[in-house]
Amino acid sequence: QVQLVESGGGLVQAGDSLRLSCTASGRTLDYYYIMWFRQVPGKGRDFVAGIKWKGGSPDYAGSVKGRFTIARDQADNTVNHNITNLKQEDAGTYYCAGDPHVGSSVPRIWGQGTLVTVKA
């Protein structure tokens, strides 16, 4: 079984940049699609970005294109999620998730989440 652990959240200033990381342990990720979701209080989890562990172009939600970048670091078994020019609407709990199916809306595996708070 794969386990996912997020890190890198915290309190940041609007306009700053931030890196979130999702580190995997357990079985190989070779056949997984790794995703990032964002959740704000009272709402569901929204897909923001995803990438196949084996390679290929990442996918992004339209609202984050240009400011969100995800990339694999296979040496560290990590998917990094870089956010530039943070806006208040980027705040929320970010979850890393994994599933063998690309674009799955109900991933099998979830991390515990990492909270991002954006100060105006």
Protein backbone atom coordinates (compact mmCIF):
# COMPACT_ATOMS: atom_id res chain seq x y z
CA GLN A 1 0.00 0.00 0.00
CA VAL A 2 1.24 3.49 -0.86
CA GLN A 3 1.23 6.19 1.80
CA LEU A 4 1.33 9.89 0.93
CA VAL A 5 2.51 12.65 3.25
CA GLU A 6 2.19 16.34 2.44
CA SER A 7 4.44 19.08 3.76
CA GLY A 8 5.18 22.74 3.14
CA GLY A 9 1.98 24.50 4.13
CA GLY A 10 1.85 27.50 6.44
CA LEU A 11 1.07 31.20 6.64
CA VAL A 12 2.25 33.17 3.62
CA GLN A 13 1.84 36.69 2.30
CA ALA A 14 -0.17 37.36 -0.86
CA GLY A 15 2.25 37.63 -3.75
CA ASP A 16 4.75 35.19 -2.23
CA SER A 17 5.68 31.78 -3.59
CA LEU A 18 5.28 28.45 -1.84
CA ARG A 19 6.32 24.86 -2.40
CA LEU A 20 4.19 21.97 -1.23
CA SER A 21 5.61 18.47 -1.31
CA CYS A 22 3.98 15.06 -1.43
CA THR A 23 6.29 12.25 -0.39
CA ALA A 24 5.35 8.65 -1.04
CA SER A 25 6.33 5.51 0.78
CA GLY A 26 5.33 1.89 0.50
CA ARG A 27 4.84 0.33 -2.89
CA THR A 28 6.04 1.71 -6.19
CA LEU A 29 4.27 4.70 -7.70
CA ASP A 30 5.03 3.58 -11.24
CA TYR A 31 1.40 3.05 -12.17
CA TYR A 32 -0.06 5.95 -10.24
CA TYR A 33 -1.43 9.32 -11.21
CA ILE A 34 -0.59 11.78 -8.44
CA MET A 35 -2.92 14.70 -7.88
CA TRP A 36 -3.29 17.79 -5.73
CA PHE A 37 -6.69 18.88 -4.47
CA ARG A 38 -7.64 22.01 -2.51
CA GLN A 39 -10.44 22.22 0.02
CA VAL A 40 -11.84 25.28 1.74
CA PRO A 41 -14.11 25.09 4.79
CA GLY A 42 -17.64 24.02 3.96
CA LYS A 43 -16.81 22.87 0.42
CA GLY A 44 -15.60 19.74 -1.31
CA ARG A 45 -12.13 18.99 -2.58
CA ASP A 46 -11.32 20.56 -5.94
CA PHE A 47 -8.73 19.17 -8.33
CA VAL A 48 -5.89 21.62 -8.99
CA ALA A 49 -3.11 19.60 -10.65
CA GLY A 50 -2.03 16.06 -11.53
CA ILE A 51 0.85 14.17 -13.09
CA LYS A 52 1.64 10.58 -14.03
CA TRP A 53 4.48 9.24 -11.95
CA LYS A 54 6.01 7.59 -15.04
CA GLY A 55 6.10 10.87 -16.95
CA GLY A 56 4.14 13.01 -19.34
CA SER A 57 2.71 16.49 -19.25
CA PRO A 58 1.03 17.60 -16.04
CA ASP A 59 -2.63 18.57 -15.93
CA TYR A 60 -3.94 21.74 -14.29
CA ALA A 61 -7.30 23.18 -13.42
CA GLY A 62 -7.98 26.20 -15.59
CA SER A 63 -8.09 28.55 -12.64
CA VAL A 64 -4.48 27.83 -11.61
CA LYS A 65 -2.68 27.57 -14.94
CA GLY A 66 0.38 29.75 -15.06
CA ARG A 67 0.90 29.98 -11.30
CA PHE A 68 0.82 26.32 -10.21
CA THR A 69 3.52 23.91 -11.33
CA ILE A 70 3.91 20.29 -10.33
CA ALA A 71 6.90 18.10 -10.99
CA ARG A 72 8.19 14.69 -9.97
CA ASP A 73 11.38 14.14 -8.05
CA GLN A 74 11.82 10.43 -8.51
CA ALA A 75 15.03 10.30 -6.51
CA ASP A 76 13.12 11.49 -3.43
CA ASN A 77 9.82 9.77 -4.29
CA THR A 78 8.19 13.18 -4.15
CA VAL A 79 5.83 15.30 -6.21
CA ASN A 80 6.48 19.00 -5.65
CA HIS A 81 3.83 21.63 -6.15
CA ASN A 82 5.10 25.17 -6.64
CA ILE A 83 2.71 28.09 -6.37
CA THR A 84 3.77 31.58 -7.38
CA ASN A 85 2.12 34.95 -6.81
CA LEU A 86 -0.15 33.54 -4.11
CA LYS A 87 -3.64 34.96 -3.91
CA GLN A 88 -6.11 34.79 -1.06
CA GLU A 89 -8.26 32.42 -3.07
CA ASP A 90 -5.35 29.94 -3.06
CA ALA A 91 -5.84 29.43 0.68
CA GLY A 92 -7.15 26.10 1.87
CA THR A 93 -6.07 22.62 2.81
CA TYR A 94 -4.10 20.96 0.05
CA TYR A 95 -4.32 17.22 -0.27
CA CYS A 96 -2.09 14.91 -2.25
CA ALA A 97 -3.87 11.92 -3.72
CA GLY A 98 -3.02 8.95 -5.87
CA ASP A 99 -4.89 6.55 -8.11
CA PRO A 100 -3.99 4.20 -10.95
CA HIS A 101 -6.52 5.99 -13.17
CA VAL A 102 -5.65 9.34 -14.68
CA GLY A 103 -8.04 12.05 -13.60
CA SER A 104 -9.85 9.95 -11.04
CA SER A 105 -12.34 12.04 -9.08
CA VAL A 106 -12.27 9.58 -6.18
CA PRO A 107 -8.62 8.68 -5.68
CA ARG A 108 -7.89 5.56 -3.71
CA ILE A 109 -5.14 7.06 -1.60
CA TRP A 110 -5.07 10.39 0.23
CA GLY A 111 -2.55 12.22 2.35
CA GLN A 112 -3.54 13.97 5.55
CA GLY A 113 -3.47 17.45 4.01
CA THR A 114 -1.42 20.57 4.61
CA LEU A 115 -2.98 23.96 5.37
CA VAL A 116 -2.09 27.07 3.41
CA THR A 117 -3.20 30.43 4.82
CA VAL A 118 -2.69 33.54 2.69
CA LYS A 119 -2.43 36.90 4.40
CA ALA A 120 -3.45 39.98 2.43
